Amino acid sequence: MTPVQVRTAFALQPEQRERLKQKMEQVLGQEVTLTCTEDPSLLCGLVVQAGGRIWDFSAKEQLAQIQTLLTA
């Protein structure tokens, strides 16, 4: 099993956790174990880390990218 760390702005509901687990198993091609933690600094969204890869779907990251574009 592959460990997958998930940080979310708010707690995930059980059905959301299960859908995310299924999606990560599909993406990685193997069974996964999710470890979820809450991180209010994300504002909304989530950050997923597995096997050295990071998927950042947080509002915090999106705002940082917009700021970079505006100041370039």
PDB file of N, CA and C in Angstrom:
ATOM      1  N   MET A   1       0.837  -1.195   0.000  1.00  0.00           N
ATOM      2  CA  MET A   1       0.000   0.000   0.000  1.00  0.00           C
ATOM      3  C   MET A   1       0.873   1.247   0.000  1.00  0.00           C
ATOM      4  N   THR A   2       0.410   2.230  -0.720  1.00  0.00           N
ATOM      5  CA  THR A   2       1.131   3.494  -0.816  1.00  0.00           C
ATOM      6  C   THR A   2       0.503   4.505   0.135  1.00  0.00           C
ATOM      7  N   PRO A   3       1.310   5.132   1.001  1.00  0.00           N
ATOM      8  CA  PRO A   3       0.758   6.167   1.877  1.00  0.00           C
ATOM      9  C   PRO A   3       0.505   7.457   1.104  1.00  0.00           C
ATOM     10  N   VAL A   4      -0.633   8.078   1.380  1.00  0.00           N
ATOM     11  CA  VAL A   4      -1.010   9.333   0.754  1.00  0.00           C
ATOM     12  C   VAL A   4      -1.396  10.312   1.860  1.00  0.00           C
ATOM     13  N   GLN A   5      -0.682  11.441   1.917  1.00  0.00           N
ATOM     14  CA  GLN A   5      -0.988  12.473   2.900  1.00  0.00           C
ATOM     15  C   GLN A   5      -1.866  13.529   2.242  1.00  0.00           C
ATOM     16  N   VAL A   6      -2.936  13.887   2.936  1.00  0.00           N
ATOM     17  CA  VAL A   6      -3.880  14.865   2.417  1.00  0.00           C
ATOM     18  C   VAL A   6      -4.063  15.965   3.456  1.00  0.00           C
ATOM     19  N   ARG A   7      -3.842  17.215   3.039  1.00  0.00           N
ATOM     20  CA  ARG A   7      -4.128  18.374   3.899  1.00  0.00           C
ATOM     21  C   ARG A   7      -5.316  19.090   3.306  1.00  0.00           C
ATOM     22  N   THR A   8      -6.307  19.366   4.132  1.00  0.00           N
ATOM     23  CA  THR A   8      -7.509  20.046   3.676  1.00  0.00           C
ATOM     24  C   THR A   8      -7.801  21.246   4.568  1.00  0.00           C
ATOM     25  N   ALA A   9      -8.481  22.221   4.008  1.00  0.00           N
ATOM     26  CA  ALA A   9      -8.850  23.394   4.792  1.00  0.00           C
ATOM     27  C   ALA A   9      -9.900  23.024   5.840  1.00  0.00           C
ATOM     28  N   PHE A  10     -10.755  22.081   5.510  1.00  0.00           N
ATOM     29  CA  PHE A  10     -11.815  21.614   6.400  1.00  0.00           C
ATOM     30  C   PHE A  10     -11.832  20.094   6.393  1.00  0.00           C
ATOM     31  N   ALA A  11     -12.391  19.509   7.418  1.00  0.00           N
ATOM     32  CA  ALA A  11     -12.468  18.049   7.514  1.00  0.00           C
ATOM     33  C   ALA A  11     -13.281  17.479   6.353  1.00  0.00           C
ATOM     34  N   LEU A  12     -12.798  16.386   5.797  1.00  0.00           N
ATOM     35  CA  LEU A  12     -13.521  15.699   4.730  1.00  0.00           C
ATOM     36  C   LEU A  12     -14.587  14.797   5.335  1.00  0.00           C
ATOM     37  N   GLN A  13     -15.713  14.708   4.655  1.00  0.00           N
ATOM     38  CA  GLN A  13     -16.764  13.778   5.043  1.00  0.00           C
ATOM     39  C   GLN A  13     -16.318  12.375   4.636  1.00  0.00           C
ATOM     40  N   PRO A  14     -16.832  11.327   5.291  1.00  0.00           N
ATOM     41  CA  PRO A  14     -16.421   9.952   4.949  1.00  0.00           C
ATOM     42  C   PRO A  14     -16.570   9.626   3.462  1.00  0.00           C
ATOM     43  N   GLU A  15     -17.651  10.076   2.827  1.00  0.00           N
ATOM     44  CA  GLU A  15     -17.829   9.767   1.397  1.00  0.00           C
ATOM     45  C   GLU A  15     -16.815  10.514   0.538  1.00  0.00           C
ATOM     46  N   GLN A  16     -16.404  11.714   0.966  1.00  0.00           N
ATOM     47  CA  GLN A  16     -15.367  12.453   0.240  1.00  0.00           C
ATOM     48  C   GLN A  16     -14.024  11.743   0.366  1.00  0.00           C
ATOM     49  N   ARG A  17     -13.726  11.258   1.564  1.00  0.00           N
ATOM     50  CA  ARG A  17     -12.473  10.506   1.777  1.00  0.00           C
ATOM     51  C   ARG A  17     -12.438   9.271   0.884  1.00  0.00           C
ATOM     52  N   GLU A  18     -13.558   8.564   0.804  1.00  0.00           N
ATOM     53  CA  GLU A  18     -13.606   7.342   0.007  1.00  0.00           C
ATOM     54  C   GLU A  18     -13.432   7.651  -1.478  1.00  0.00           C
ATOM     55  N   ARG A  19     -14.088   8.714  -1.974  1.00  0.00           N
ATOM     56  CA  ARG A  19     -13.920   9.088  -3.392  1.00  0.00           C
ATOM     57  C   ARG A  19     -12.479   9.477  -3.677  1.00  0.00           C
ATOM     58  N   LEU A  20     -11.862  10.225  -2.762  1.00  0.00           N
ATOM     59  CA  LEU A  20     -10.470  10.634  -2.947  1.00  0.00           C
ATOM     60  C   LEU A  20      -9.555   9.415  -2.937  1.00  0.00           C
ATOM     61  N   LYS A  21      -9.806   8.484  -2.028  1.00  0.00           N
ATOM     62  CA  LYS A  21      -9.017   7.255  -1.958  1.00  0.00           C
ATOM     63  C   LYS A  21      -9.118   6.481  -3.277  1.00  0.00           C
ATOM     64  N   GLN A  22     -10.336   6.330  -3.784  1.00  0.00           N
ATOM     65  CA  GLN A  22     -10.537   5.611  -5.042  1.00  0.00           C
ATOM     66  C   GLN A  22      -9.824   6.314  -6.200  1.00  0.00           C
ATOM     67  N   LYS A  23      -9.917   7.636  -6.243  1.00  0.00           N
ATOM     68  CA  LYS A  23      -9.270   8.395  -7.319  1.00  0.00           C
ATOM     69  C   LYS A  23      -7.753   8.247  -7.248  1.00  0.00           C
ATOM     70  N   MET A  24      -7.188   8.325  -6.044  1.00  0.00           N
ATOM     71  CA  MET A  24      -5.736   8.187  -5.903  1.00  0.00           C
ATOM     72  C   MET A  24      -5.278   6.777  -6.272  1.00  0.00           C
ATOM     73  N   GLU A  25      -6.078   5.773  -5.957  1.00  0.00           N
ATOM     74  CA  GLU A  25      -5.730   4.411  -6.358  1.00  0.00           C
ATOM     75  C   GLU A  25      -5.743   4.285  -7.878  1.00  0.00           C
ATOM     76  N   GLN A  26      -6.676   4.963  -8.510  1.00  0.00           N
ATOM     77  CA  GLN A  26      -6.753   4.955  -9.972  1.00  0.00           C
ATOM     78  C   GLN A  26      -5.534   5.670 -10.565  1.00  0.00           C
ATOM     79  N   VAL A  27      -5.180   6.829 -10.019  1.00  0.00           N
ATOM     80  CA  VAL A  27      -4.059   7.619 -10.526  1.00  0.00           C
ATOM     81  C   VAL A  27      -2.734   6.888 -10.315  1.00  0.00           C
ATOM     82  N   LEU A  28      -2.547   6.315  -9.135  1.00  0.00           N
ATOM     83  CA  LEU A  28      -1.278   5.670  -8.810  1.00  0.00           C
ATOM     84  C   LEU A  28      -1.205   4.210  -9.251  1.00  0.00           C
ATOM     85  N   GLY A  29      -2.348   3.612  -9.545  1.00  0.00           N
ATOM     86  CA  GLY A  29      -2.361   2.226  -9.992  1.00  0.00           C
ATOM     87  C   GLY A  29      -2.076   1.226  -8.896  1.00  0.00           C
ATOM     88  N   GLN A  30      -2.347   1.599  -7.658  1.00  0.00           N
ATOM     89  CA  GLN A  30      -2.144   0.688  -6.520  1.00  0.00           C
ATOM     90  C   GLN A  30      -2.989   1.129  -5.338  1.00  0.00           C
ATOM     91  N   GLU A  31      -3.137   0.234  -4.370  1.00  0.00           N
ATOM     92  CA  GLU A  31      -3.914   0.569  -3.186  1.00  0.00           C
ATOM     93  C   GLU A  31      -3.187   1.633  -2.374  1.00  0.00           C
ATOM     94  N   VAL A  32      -3.981   2.501  -1.737  1.00  0.00           N
ATOM     95  CA  VAL A  32      -3.404   3.574  -0.934  1.00  0.00           C
ATOM     96  C   VAL A  32      -4.033   3.601   0.454  1.00  0.00           C
ATOM     97  N   THR A  33      -3.312   4.223   1.377  1.00  0.00           N
ATOM     98  CA  THR A  33      -3.857   4.533   2.692  1.00  0.00           C
ATOM     99  C   THR A  33      -3.803   6.043   2.842  1.00  0.00           C
ATOM    100  N   LEU A  34      -4.941   6.638   3.158  1.00  0.00           N
ATOM    101  CA  LEU A  34      -5.013   8.089   3.314  1.00  0.00           C
ATOM    102  C   LEU A  34      -4.768   8.492   4.756  1.00  0.00           C
ATOM    103  N   THR A  35      -3.986   9.551   4.916  1.00  0.00           N
ATOM    104  CA  THR A  35      -3.847  10.225   6.198  1.00  0.00           C
ATOM    105  C   THR A  35      -4.264  11.663   5.961  1.00  0.00           C
ATOM    106  N   CYS A  36      -5.364  12.067   6.590  1.00  0.00           N
ATOM    107  CA  CYS A  36      -5.912  13.409   6.365  1.00  0.00           C
ATOM    108  C   CYS A  36      -5.695  14.293   7.583  1.00  0.00           C
ATOM    109  N   THR A  37      -5.254  15.522   7.329  1.00  0.00           N
ATOM    110  CA  THR A  37      -5.116  16.511   8.389  1.00  0.00           C
ATOM    111  C   THR A  37      -5.751  17.816   7.927  1.00  0.00           C
ATOM    112  N   GLU A  38      -6.232  18.581   8.894  1.00  0.00           N
ATOM    113  CA  GLU A  38      -6.824  19.880   8.587  1.00  0.00           C
ATOM    114  C   GLU A  38      -5.765  20.962   8.671  1.00  0.00           C
ATOM    115  N   ASP A  39      -5.775  21.869   7.706  1.00  0.00           N
ATOM    116  CA  ASP A  39      -4.840  22.995   7.664  1.00  0.00           C
ATOM    117  C   ASP A  39      -5.613  24.235   7.203  1.00  0.00           C
ATOM    118  N   PRO A  40      -6.156  24.998   8.156  1.00  0.00           N
ATOM    119  CA  PRO A  40      -6.959  26.170   7.800  1.00  0.00           C
ATOM    120  C   PRO A  40      -6.203  27.212   6.972  1.00  0.00           C
ATOM    121  N   SER A  41      -4.875  27.197   6.998  1.00  0.00           N
ATOM    122  CA  SER A  41      -4.108  28.174   6.218  1.00  0.00           C
ATOM    123  C   SER A  41      -4.290  27.982   4.712  1.00  0.00           C
ATOM    124  N   LEU A  42      -4.825  26.837   4.294  1.00  0.00           N
ATOM    125  CA  LEU A  42      -5.064  26.592   2.868  1.00  0.00           C
ATOM    126  C   LEU A  42      -6.236  27.414   2.347  1.00  0.00           C
ATOM    127  N   LEU A  43      -7.051  27.952   3.232  1.00  0.00           N
ATOM    128  CA  LEU A  43      -8.251  28.738   2.915  1.00  0.00           C
ATOM    129  C   LEU A  43      -9.377  27.848   2.402  1.00  0.00           C
ATOM    130  N   CYS A  44      -9.149  27.132   1.338  1.00  0.00           N
ATOM    131  CA  CYS A  44     -10.084  26.107   0.857  1.00  0.00           C
ATOM    132  C   CYS A  44      -9.302  25.194  -0.072  1.00  0.00           C
ATOM    133  N   GLY A  45      -9.871  24.049  -0.378  1.00  0.00           N
ATOM    134  CA  GLY A  45      -9.186  23.109  -1.254  1.00  0.00           C
ATOM    135  C   GLY A  45      -8.370  22.089  -0.494  1.00  0.00           C
ATOM    136  N   LEU A  46      -7.405  21.484  -1.194  1.00  0.00           N
ATOM    137  CA  LEU A  46      -6.589  20.445  -0.573  1.00  0.00           C
ATOM    138  C   LEU A  46      -5.239  20.319  -1.253  1.00  0.00           C
ATOM    139  N   VAL A  47      -4.320  19.679  -0.520  1.00  0.00           N
ATOM    140  CA  VAL A  47      -2.987  19.363  -1.027  1.00  0.00           C
ATOM    141  C   VAL A  47      -2.789  17.867  -0.801  1.00  0.00           C
ATOM    142  N   VAL A  48      -2.415  17.147  -1.855  1.00  0.00           N
ATOM    143  CA  VAL A  48      -2.227  15.702  -1.779  1.00  0.00           C
ATOM    144  C   VAL A  48      -0.763  15.396  -2.061  1.00  0.00           C
ATOM    145  N   GLN A  49      -0.161  14.557  -1.210  1.00  0.00           N
ATOM    146  CA  GLN A  49       1.233  14.168  -1.400  1.00  0.00           C
ATOM    147  C   GLN A  49       1.329  12.652  -1.375  1.00  0.00           C
ATOM    148  N   ALA A  50       1.976  12.097  -2.415  1.00  0.00           N
ATOM    149  CA  ALA A  50       2.141  10.648  -2.510  1.00  0.00           C
ATOM    150  C   ALA A  50       3.367  10.332  -3.341  1.00  0.00           C
ATOM    151  N   GLY A  51       4.225   9.505  -2.812  1.00  0.00           N
ATOM    152  CA  GLY A  51       5.371   9.025  -3.567  1.00  0.00           C
ATOM    153  C   GLY A  51       6.233  10.114  -4.170  1.00  0.00           C
ATOM    154  N   GLY A  52       6.474  11.181  -3.443  1.00  0.00           N
ATOM    155  CA  GLY A  52       7.313  12.259  -3.939  1.00  0.00           C
ATOM    156  C   GLY A  52       6.604  13.240  -4.862  1.00  0.00           C
ATOM    157  N   ARG A  53       5.328  13.016  -5.118  1.00  0.00           N
ATOM    158  CA  ARG A  53       4.546  13.918  -5.957  1.00  0.00           C
ATOM    159  C   ARG A  53       3.602  14.731  -5.090  1.00  0.00           C
ATOM    160  N   ILE A  54       3.352  15.965  -5.513  1.00  0.00           N
ATOM    161  CA  ILE A  54       2.439  16.846  -4.784  1.00  0.00           C
ATOM    162  C   ILE A  54       1.444  17.442  -5.762  1.00  0.00           C
ATOM    163  N   TRP A  55       0.165  17.356  -5.409  1.00  0.00           N
ATOM    164  CA  TRP A  55      -0.914  17.993  -6.148  1.00  0.00           C
ATOM    165  C   TRP A  55      -1.495  19.062  -5.233  1.00  0.00           C
ATOM    166  N   ASP A  56      -1.378  20.318  -5.603  1.00  0.00           N
ATOM    167  CA  ASP A  56      -1.831  21.423  -4.757  1.00  0.00           C
ATOM    168  C   ASP A  56      -3.056  22.081  -5.380  1.00  0.00           C
ATOM    169  N   PHE A  57      -4.203  21.821  -4.795  1.00  0.00           N
ATOM    170  CA  PHE A  57      -5.468  22.380  -5.263  1.00  0.00           C
ATOM    171  C   PHE A  57      -6.030  23.357  -4.239  1.00  0.00           C
ATOM    172  N   SER A  58      -5.152  24.052  -3.522  1.00  0.00           N
ATOM    173  CA  SER A  58      -5.595  24.969  -2.475  1.00  0.00           C
ATOM    174  C   SER A  58      -5.779  26.381  -3.016  1.00  0.00           C
ATOM    175  N   ALA A  59      -6.639  27.123  -2.368  1.00  0.00           N
ATOM    176  CA  ALA A  59      -6.838  28.532  -2.733  1.00  0.00           C
ATOM    177  C   ALA A  59      -5.566  29.316  -2.455  1.00  0.00           C
ATOM    178  N   LYS A  60      -4.853  28.934  -1.415  1.00  0.00           N
ATOM    179  CA  LYS A  60      -3.598  29.606  -1.064  1.00  0.00           C
ATOM    180  C   LYS A  60      -2.616  29.555  -2.230  1.00  0.00           C
ATOM    181  N   GLU A  61      -2.480  28.399  -2.853  1.00  0.00           N
ATOM    182  CA  GLU A  61      -1.566  28.236  -3.993  1.00  0.00           C
ATOM    183  C   GLU A  61      -2.063  29.016  -5.203  1.00  0.00           C
ATOM    184  N   GLN A  62      -3.353  28.978  -5.455  1.00  0.00           N
ATOM    185  CA  GLN A  62      -3.911  29.715  -6.588  1.00  0.00           C
ATOM    186  C   GLN A  62      -3.679  31.217  -6.433  1.00  0.00           C
ATOM    187  N   LEU A  63      -3.874  31.742  -5.223  1.00  0.00           N
ATOM    188  CA  LEU A  63      -3.631  33.158  -4.970  1.00  0.00           C
ATOM    189  C   LEU A  63      -2.154  33.514  -5.139  1.00  0.00           C
ATOM    190  N   ALA A  64      -1.271  32.616  -4.713  1.00  0.00           N
ATOM    191  CA  ALA A  64       0.165  32.855  -4.882  1.00  0.00           C
ATOM    192  C   ALA A  64       0.534  32.918  -6.357  1.00  0.00           C
ATOM    193  N   GLN A  65      -0.066  32.061  -7.170  1.00  0.00           N
ATOM    194  CA  GLN A  65       0.206  32.072  -8.610  1.00  0.00           C
ATOM    195  C   GLN A  65      -0.306  33.356  -9.254  1.00  0.00           C
ATOM    196  N   ILE A  66      -1.468  33.823  -8.839  1.00  0.00           N
ATOM    197  CA  ILE A  66      -2.011  35.076  -9.369  1.00  0.00           C
ATOM    198  C   ILE A  66      -1.101  36.238  -8.985  1.00  0.00           C
ATOM    199  N   GLN A  67      -0.643  36.245  -7.753  1.00  0.00           N
ATOM    200  CA  GLN A  67       0.249  37.312  -7.293  1.00  0.00           C
ATOM    201  C   GLN A  67       1.537  37.329  -8.122  1.00  0.00           C
ATOM    202  N   THR A  68       2.084  36.162  -8.395  1.00  0.00           N
ATOM    203  CA  THR A  68       3.291  36.058  -9.205  1.00  0.00           C
ATOM    204  C   THR A  68       3.049  36.627 -10.606  1.00  0.00           C
ATOM    205  N   LEU A  69       1.913  36.290 -11.196  1.00  0.00           N
ATOM    206  CA  LEU A  69       1.595  36.813 -12.522  1.00  0.00           C
ATOM    207  C   LEU A  69       1.447  38.333 -12.520  1.00  0.00           C
ATOM    208  N   LEU A  70       0.842  38.867 -11.477  1.00  0.00           N
ATOM    209  CA  LEU A  70       0.605  40.312 -11.414  1.00  0.00           C
ATOM    210  C   LEU A  70       1.872  41.118 -11.125  1.00  0.00           C
ATOM    211  N   THR A  71       2.839  40.504 -10.482  1.00  0.00           N
ATOM    212  CA  THR A  71       4.061  41.232 -10.125  1.00  0.00           C
ATOM    213  C   THR A  71       5.207  40.968 -11.094  1.00  0.00           C
ATOM    214  N   ALA A  72       4.971  40.115 -12.099  1.00  0.00           N
ATOM    215  CA  ALA A  72       6.037  39.798 -13.062  1.00  0.00           C
ATOM    216  C   ALA A  72       6.189  40.892 -14.105  1.00  0.00           C
TER     217      ALA A  72
END
